[in-house]
Each structure stands twice: as C-alpha cells, then as structure tokens.
Amino acid sequence: MRVLILGAAGMIGRKLASRIAADGCLADRRVTGLDLVDVVLPPVPPGLEGRTSTLVADIAQPGVAARLLAQKPDIILHLAAVVSGEAEVDFQKGYSVPTGVPALSSPRPLRSLDHPFHP
C-alpha cells in the first residue's frame, strides 16, 4: 500500500510517519511506499528507507494535487494546516490549505492524467 502524508513535517505528521515506518504496515496492510509532503522538508523516518519520498510543496498551489495523485496513493492522510496566529493574521493563507482538500478528493484534477485514478 502506498501512503501519502500531507503535513508530514508537522508534529503529528512526523509521529505518524515514524509509526508507519516502524510498523511497516497500516490497517494490517504492508506499506510499500511512503510519500511525505509539506511546505518544509519532512524528515525521513527510519524503517522505510528506499521506499520513502519527500517533497516540499504547497497543496494549495495549482497542479500540486494532480502531481501527488499521479503517484497513485492508496490512502491520503491530510494533516496539513496553517495553525496558530499565522492564520489569524493572514486569513487567505489560513483558508488556502483546507481548500486544497477538494482537489485531492475530487476526480476533477485527474482528468488531465493519461490514466485516471480515483483514490
């Protein structure tokens, strides 16, 4: 199973990635690939070396969702968010990450792919 973690550099994302890597499975299914994405470089946890990829990307930017879905993840764990006072100071930034969710769950961005994939 290929797992995509958005917000993988945050506290919960790091701990979840570490646990998945240590267990080697999720929901009794063997993890064959772990894709870690955040706006800063996520750390690679020990345990799935060679089967883990990292990407610095903003899921609110055009084309990012399609690029992530092209890897055909079996499960997407969305932990990305703008937290604390940063979202209060810049409302647009605070709303930008949650609005990336429909792009990841809708088939709309996938229409441009040669082989449509629906997670």
C-alpha atoms as a PDB file:
ATOM      1  CA  MET A   1       0.000   0.000   0.000  1.00  0.00           C
ATOM      2  CA  ARG A   2       1.291   3.461  -0.901  1.00  0.00           C
ATOM      3  CA  VAL A   3       0.656   6.129   1.785  1.00  0.00           C
ATOM      4  CA  LEU A   4       0.668   9.897   1.174  1.00  0.00           C
ATOM      5  CA  ILE A   5       1.020  12.139   4.234  1.00  0.00           C
ATOM      6  CA  LEU A   6       0.298  15.849   3.765  1.00  0.00           C
ATOM      7  CA  GLY A   7       1.716  17.995   6.538  1.00  0.00           C
ATOM      8  CA  ALA A   8       4.405  15.377   7.153  1.00  0.00           C
ATOM      9  CA  ALA A   9       6.852  17.842   8.755  1.00  0.00           C
ATOM     10  CA  GLY A  10       4.414  18.853  11.493  1.00  0.00           C
ATOM     11  CA  MET A  11       4.316  17.240  14.917  1.00  0.00           C
ATOM     12  CA  ILE A  12       1.505  14.787  14.156  1.00  0.00           C
ATOM     13  CA  GLY A  13       2.760  14.106  10.629  1.00  0.00           C
ATOM     14  CA  ARG A  14       6.278  13.257  11.873  1.00  0.00           C
ATOM     15  CA  LYS A  15       4.958  10.957  14.591  1.00  0.00           C
ATOM     16  CA  LEU A  16       2.549   9.227  12.233  1.00  0.00           C
ATOM     17  CA  ALA A  17       5.230   8.706   9.580  1.00  0.00           C
ATOM     18  CA  SER A  18       7.590   7.301  12.220  1.00  0.00           C
ATOM     19  CA  ARG A  19       4.938   4.898  13.484  1.00  0.00           C
ATOM     20  CA  ILE A  20       4.019   3.698   9.990  1.00  0.00           C
ATOM     21  CA  ALA A  21       7.710   3.218   9.147  1.00  0.00           C
ATOM     22  CA  ALA A  22       8.356   1.341  12.396  1.00  0.00           C
ATOM     23  CA  ASP A  23       5.331  -0.931  11.966  1.00  0.00           C
ATOM     24  CA  GLY A  24       5.790  -1.357   8.218  1.00  0.00           C
ATOM     25  CA  CYS A  25       2.037  -1.592   7.871  1.00  0.00           C
ATOM     26  CA  LEU A  26      -1.163   0.393   8.211  1.00  0.00           C
ATOM     27  CA  ALA A  27      -4.516  -1.235   8.960  1.00  0.00           C
ATOM     28  CA  ASP A  28      -2.904  -4.675   8.589  1.00  0.00           C
ATOM     29  CA  ARG A  29      -1.689  -3.842   5.070  1.00  0.00           C
ATOM     30  CA  ARG A  30       2.022  -3.757   4.231  1.00  0.00           C
ATOM     31  CA  VAL A  31       3.266  -0.271   3.363  1.00  0.00           C
ATOM     32  CA  THR A  32       5.259  -0.403   0.125  1.00  0.00           C
ATOM     33  CA  GLY A  33       5.760   3.341  -0.235  1.00  0.00           C
ATOM     34  CA  LEU A  34       5.543   6.426   1.953  1.00  0.00           C
ATOM     35  CA  ASP A  35       5.267   9.870   0.336  1.00  0.00           C
ATOM     36  CA  LEU A  36       5.874  12.756   2.730  1.00  0.00           C
ATOM     37  CA  VAL A  37       4.797  16.261   1.684  1.00  0.00           C
ATOM     38  CA  ASP A  38       4.955  19.616   3.452  1.00  0.00           C
ATOM     39  CA  VAL A  39       5.941  23.251   2.845  1.00  0.00           C
ATOM     40  CA  VAL A  40       9.275  22.447   4.530  1.00  0.00           C
ATOM     41  CA  LEU A  41      11.346  19.298   4.016  1.00  0.00           C
ATOM     42  CA  PRO A  42       9.825  16.442   6.044  1.00  0.00           C
ATOM     43  CA  PRO A  43      12.265  14.114   7.805  1.00  0.00           C
ATOM     44  CA  VAL A  44      12.531  10.519   6.569  1.00  0.00           C
ATOM     45  CA  PRO A  45      11.845   8.148   9.457  1.00  0.00           C
ATOM     46  CA  PRO A  46      13.963   5.018   9.870  1.00  0.00           C
ATOM     47  CA  GLY A  47      12.351   1.807   8.699  1.00  0.00           C
ATOM     48  CA  LEU A  48      11.241   2.524   5.148  1.00  0.00           C
ATOM     49  CA  GLU A  49      14.471   3.857   3.652  1.00  0.00           C
ATOM     50  CA  GLY A  50      14.460   3.450  -0.098  1.00  0.00           C
ATOM     51  CA  ARG A  51      10.659   3.350  -0.130  1.00  0.00           C
ATOM     52  CA  THR A  52      10.095   6.872   1.181  1.00  0.00           C
ATOM     53  CA  SER A  53       9.932  10.047  -0.885  1.00  0.00           C
ATOM     54  CA  THR A  54       9.851  13.619   0.335  1.00  0.00           C
ATOM     55  CA  LEU A  55       8.517  16.674  -1.428  1.00  0.00           C
ATOM     56  CA  VAL A  56       8.456  20.334  -0.485  1.00  0.00           C
ATOM     57  CA  ALA A  57       5.188  21.622  -1.924  1.00  0.00           C
ATOM     58  CA  ASP A  58       2.163  23.757  -1.116  1.00  0.00           C
ATOM     59  CA  ILE A  59      -1.009  21.749  -1.782  1.00  0.00           C
ATOM     60  CA  ALA A  60      -2.931  24.982  -2.298  1.00  0.00           C
ATOM     61  CA  GLN A  61      -0.916  25.740  -5.448  1.00  0.00           C
ATOM     62  CA  PRO A  62      -2.303  24.786  -8.884  1.00  0.00           C
ATOM     63  CA  GLY A  63      -1.156  21.421 -10.199  1.00  0.00           C
ATOM     64  CA  VAL A  64       0.212  20.102  -6.901  1.00  0.00           C
ATOM     65  CA  ALA A  65      -2.780  17.843  -6.173  1.00  0.00           C
ATOM     66  CA  ALA A  66      -2.593  16.237  -9.627  1.00  0.00           C
ATOM     67  CA  ARG A  67       1.148  15.703  -9.211  1.00  0.00           C
ATOM     68  CA  LEU A  68       0.601  13.984  -5.862  1.00  0.00           C
ATOM     69  CA  LEU A  69      -2.238  11.829  -7.157  1.00  0.00           C
ATOM     70  CA  ALA A  70      -0.124  10.751 -10.134  1.00  0.00           C
ATOM     71  CA  GLN A  71       1.821   8.634  -7.634  1.00  0.00           C
ATOM     72  CA  LYS A  72      -1.430   6.699  -7.050  1.00  0.00           C
ATOM     73  CA  PRO A  73      -1.550   6.645  -3.247  1.00  0.00           C
ATOM     74  CA  ASP A  74      -3.842   4.061  -1.692  1.00  0.00           C
ATOM     75  CA  ILE A  75      -4.509   6.343   1.246  1.00  0.00           C
ATOM     76  CA  ILE A  76      -4.092  10.077   1.826  1.00  0.00           C
ATOM     77  CA  LEU A  77      -3.591  11.334   5.376  1.00  0.00           C
ATOM     78  CA  HIS A  78      -4.276  15.081   5.266  1.00  0.00           C
ATOM     79  CA  LEU A  79      -2.616  16.757   8.255  1.00  0.00           C
ATOM     80  CA  ALA A  80      -1.606  19.983   6.510  1.00  0.00           C
ATOM     81  CA  ALA A  81      -2.827  23.224   8.056  1.00  0.00           C
ATOM     82  CA  VAL A  82      -1.857  26.784   8.790  1.00  0.00           C
ATOM     83  CA  VAL A  83      -2.042  26.953  12.563  1.00  0.00           C
ATOM     84  CA  SER A  84      -1.962  29.429  15.443  1.00  0.00           C
ATOM     85  CA  GLY A  85      -1.806  33.180  14.961  1.00  0.00           C
ATOM     86  CA  GLU A  86      -0.443  32.903  11.429  1.00  0.00           C
ATOM     87  CA  ALA A  87      -3.917  32.089  10.053  1.00  0.00           C
ATOM     88  CA  GLU A  88      -5.483  34.894  12.103  1.00  0.00           C
ATOM     89  CA  VAL A  89      -3.063  37.465  10.698  1.00  0.00           C
ATOM     90  CA  ASP A  90      -3.438  36.251   7.113  1.00  0.00           C
ATOM     91  CA  PHE A  91      -6.973  34.889   6.570  1.00  0.00           C
ATOM     92  CA  GLN A  92      -6.324  34.000   2.927  1.00  0.00           C
ATOM     93  CA  LYS A  93      -3.371  31.860   3.932  1.00  0.00           C
ATOM     94  CA  GLY A  94      -5.459  30.224   6.647  1.00  0.00           C
ATOM     95  CA  TYR A  95      -8.136  29.243   4.140  1.00  0.00           C
ATOM     96  CA  SER A  96      -5.753  28.178   1.371  1.00  0.00           C
ATOM     97  CA  VAL A  97      -4.732  24.799   2.801  1.00  0.00           C
ATOM     98  CA  PRO A  98      -8.212  23.470   3.645  1.00  0.00           C
ATOM     99  CA  THR A  99      -9.370  24.433   0.151  1.00  0.00           C
ATOM    100  CA  GLY A 100      -6.771  22.043  -1.236  1.00  0.00           C
ATOM    101  CA  VAL A 101      -8.825  19.138   0.150  1.00  0.00           C
ATOM    102  CA  PRO A 102     -11.482  19.084  -2.619  1.00  0.00           C
ATOM    103  CA  ALA A 103      -8.726  18.997  -5.246  1.00  0.00           C
ATOM    104  CA  LEU A 104      -7.338  15.857  -3.617  1.00  0.00           C
ATOM    105  CA  SER A 105     -10.651  14.063  -3.247  1.00  0.00           C
ATOM    106  CA  SER A 106     -12.337  15.087  -6.482  1.00  0.00           C
ATOM    107  CA  PRO A 107     -11.741  13.431  -9.866  1.00  0.00           C
ATOM    108  CA  ARG A 108     -11.583  16.898 -11.463  1.00  0.00           C
ATOM    109  CA  PRO A 109      -7.775  17.341 -11.302  1.00  0.00           C
ATOM    110  CA  LEU A 110      -7.329  13.799 -12.590  1.00  0.00           C
ATOM    111  CA  ARG A 111      -8.966  14.396 -15.960  1.00  0.00           C
ATOM    112  CA  SER A 112      -5.656  15.667 -17.307  1.00  0.00           C
ATOM    113  CA  LEU A 113      -3.863  12.421 -16.445  1.00  0.00           C
ATOM    114  CA  ASP A 114      -3.429   9.736 -19.089  1.00  0.00           C
ATOM    115  CA  HIS A 115      -4.744   7.051 -16.739  1.00  0.00           C
ATOM    116  CA  PRO A 116      -7.434   8.427 -14.418  1.00  0.00           C
ATOM    117  CA  PHE A 117      -7.099   7.214 -10.866  1.00  0.00           C
ATOM    118  CA  HIS A 118      -9.691   7.616  -8.142  1.00  0.00           C
ATOM    119  CA  PRO A 119      -8.460   7.051  -4.580  1.00  0.00           C
END
